[in-house]
Every structure is written in C-alpha cells, then in structure tokens.
Amino acid sequence: MHSLWELANSQLRDLAVYQPGKPIEETARELNCDPTAIIKLASNENPLGPSPKAVDAIRQALKNAQLYPDGGGFYLRDALASHLGFPRANIILGNGSNEIIEFLGHAFLSPGDEVITSEHAFIAYKLVASLFGADTIETPSPDYHHHLDAMLESITPKTRLIFIANPNNPTGTLASQTKIDDFISRLPENIVAVFDEAYFEFLDNPPDTLQYVRAGRNIVVLRTFSKIHGLASLRVGYGIAPPELIEILQKTRQPFNVNSIAQVGALAALADQAHQRQTKRIVDAGRAYLEEQFQEMKLTFLASAGNFVMVKVGDGAAVFKKLLARKIIVRPLKGYQLPEWVRISVGTMEQNRQCIAALKEVLPVCSSA
C-alpha cells in the first residue's frame, strides 16, 4: 500500500513544524499541579494581561457570536488607518501577523524562488518559504544582529522577498534608522521587503519604516495585537503596505479570517493607550532588572529592544528542563541554532524575581552535569 506522503506536496515531507512556547496547561498536567502555580516566560506575552476595556468589549461581542464577522474588518482597519495616518486601503488584517507572512508566500513565492532572511531570525519566514517550495538564504549574523549589507549582497534573480524582524525575535537586536535608510536606498524595486515589527510599541525611539510605504515602495510593515495589547489568544495582526500590494494580498486571504470577537477586542485595545503605557513601564523595569541580574551573575546576554532577553546559560535544553521542574517555563533556542541560549520573557516583577532565584539554583547543577 502506498503512503499518502507519495501523494502530498513534496516540500511537506521535510517541513519542520513550528514549536511554540510550552503551554501552561500542558506543564500543569505533566507536573500534576495547579495551572496558577506555573510561571510562563516563554512566549513574550503581556505580563499585565489584556486591556480591561478590551475584555469588556469582548464580553459584549459574545452576545452576537452566532453572526459571521465583517469579512473586510472595516472598523478595525479604519481605526488602524486613522491611528497610523493612512487610508484604509493601506491596511490588511491577519489571523496574527503570521498569517500575513503566509499571504506573502501565496502572492509571491513559487518553487525555486528565494527568500532572504538573517541567521537566528524568527523561524516562521523559513517555514513559509519551505511551504511554497522556495529556498531560504540565511545571511550570517556573528554578532546576532541583522546585517542588511549582507542581505543586499545575497540578492539573485530568484529573490522575491526579504524579511527583516525589527526588533528581532529571539535575539532582541534592533536595526537602526540609518542602516534601514541605506538598505532601502539600494533595494531593487522588484523585491518586496517585509519589516516585522511585532515589538514596535516597546521601543523608545523606533525607526520609521512607514515613510517608505507612503513613498510607494514595495514595503510591508507587520504589527500585532499579541504583544503590547495582550491579545495573543485572539490572533490579530495587521500589515501596512501600498494599496496595490494590499490588493494583491487580499486576493490570498480566506473569508472571515479574523473573527468578530478578535476585531472588537482589538478595536478596544487600540484605544486604551493607558494600558499600553502601563505595559511598557512594566516591561522596561522588568527587562532592566533581568539584565542587571544577568550581569551580576556574569552571564552573557544581549541587550534587548523587546519584552524578552536572550541569555547564554551553557546548555539551554538542560536549563529549560530544570526550570520547568520548578514550574517556570522559558524558551530553549536549539531550533534557532542557539543551543547554549534561552530566551526569557519579561513577566511581572515577582515572576522575574522567582525566575532569577530559580536560575541561580539551576545553573551550578547544569554546569556540573
């Protein structure tokens, strides 16, 4: 009997499956403990939780759960356009910004095409390229930063998309405005560059990539409601691009891809600027605390522009397991070719302190193993 794999698209055979941060519920089952005892610092989630205004709006929206969503996301796209200073035609919604990455694959990638990204960049770019039979060119990153010059030098006639995560996940590093300006000035016009700005709102002085959308360049800027807005479970992301590019991406979008509850929650969250400011204050203080503690512990870490810190612990998988036994979930980074590192999300200050205390217990054990 023939295997179904012989009938499936060939690129699926070796396609890696994205591994998210370990869920709280799964850990609680494994440790036979109450889920509230688990501290999850693995997925860069908002330590403050969602906006109370978003929660209230979601409760109200549930009363109409029998109705299909607004397929065009009119009110949320309108609010985003107003917030960013664009017409609605420049905005597309996604079931998380990851879905928009998939839209780009549908729109621009065929077998044999090439995608350029940086070594240690967010792994979703490579997975989407593989899904469409395209090859991923990973430019070296010896200092864990994106090297935009190297990306430009890697362009071939097969290049279709370039992905730049800024700040990058998992390293937390940031490409400056000067380097971005130079990159755009030398970017061929027939290549679409994608700036993934999931952590944009945590920056004090963020680079302005939207100026290139306004100039009509083939640029897509991705942002999300999963991080500073605390709505990761609702899966709402959005892209900003020139209208023609948005029109192409809209052709790849499934009807009702962003549900009504998510749209209503995101609309309320966007308006709650006080919640966003409070989240940033908590993250700024927590990140400074973690980095200060790592420095005192003489651990190598990367100064982060996101709501997480990547720290070198020797054996990332072993440290992950030891912390897990203490009911603390962090993110091992072997899948990013960083087996000596873990990524730790900023939590509440109490969670940060518990994580550091546990790390101090764990590291001597791991280093002597």
Foldseek 3Di string as FASTA:
>chain_A
DDDCCVVDDVLVVPQDDDDAFDDLVVLCVVLVHDSVLFAEFAHQFQQVAADPLLVVLLVVCVVVQVDFAPQQLVVLLCVVCVVVVHPSLQKDKALALLVLLLLCCVLWPAAAAEEEEAQLFDCSNCSSCSVRNYYYDHFYDPPVADDLVSRLVPDDPRYAEYEAEACGPPAQDHDDLVRVVVSVVSDDQRHAYEYEDQQVLLAPDGHDPVVVQVVQGNYKYKYGCRHLNNPVVQRMIMIGHHSVVSVSSVVVDDGSRRGPSSSSSVSSSVPPVVSSVVSSVQLVVQLVVLVVLCVVVVWDWHNHSGQKIKTFQQAQVQLQVQVSSVSYHWAQDVVSVRRRIIIGGRHGNVSSVVVSVSSVVRRVVVVVD
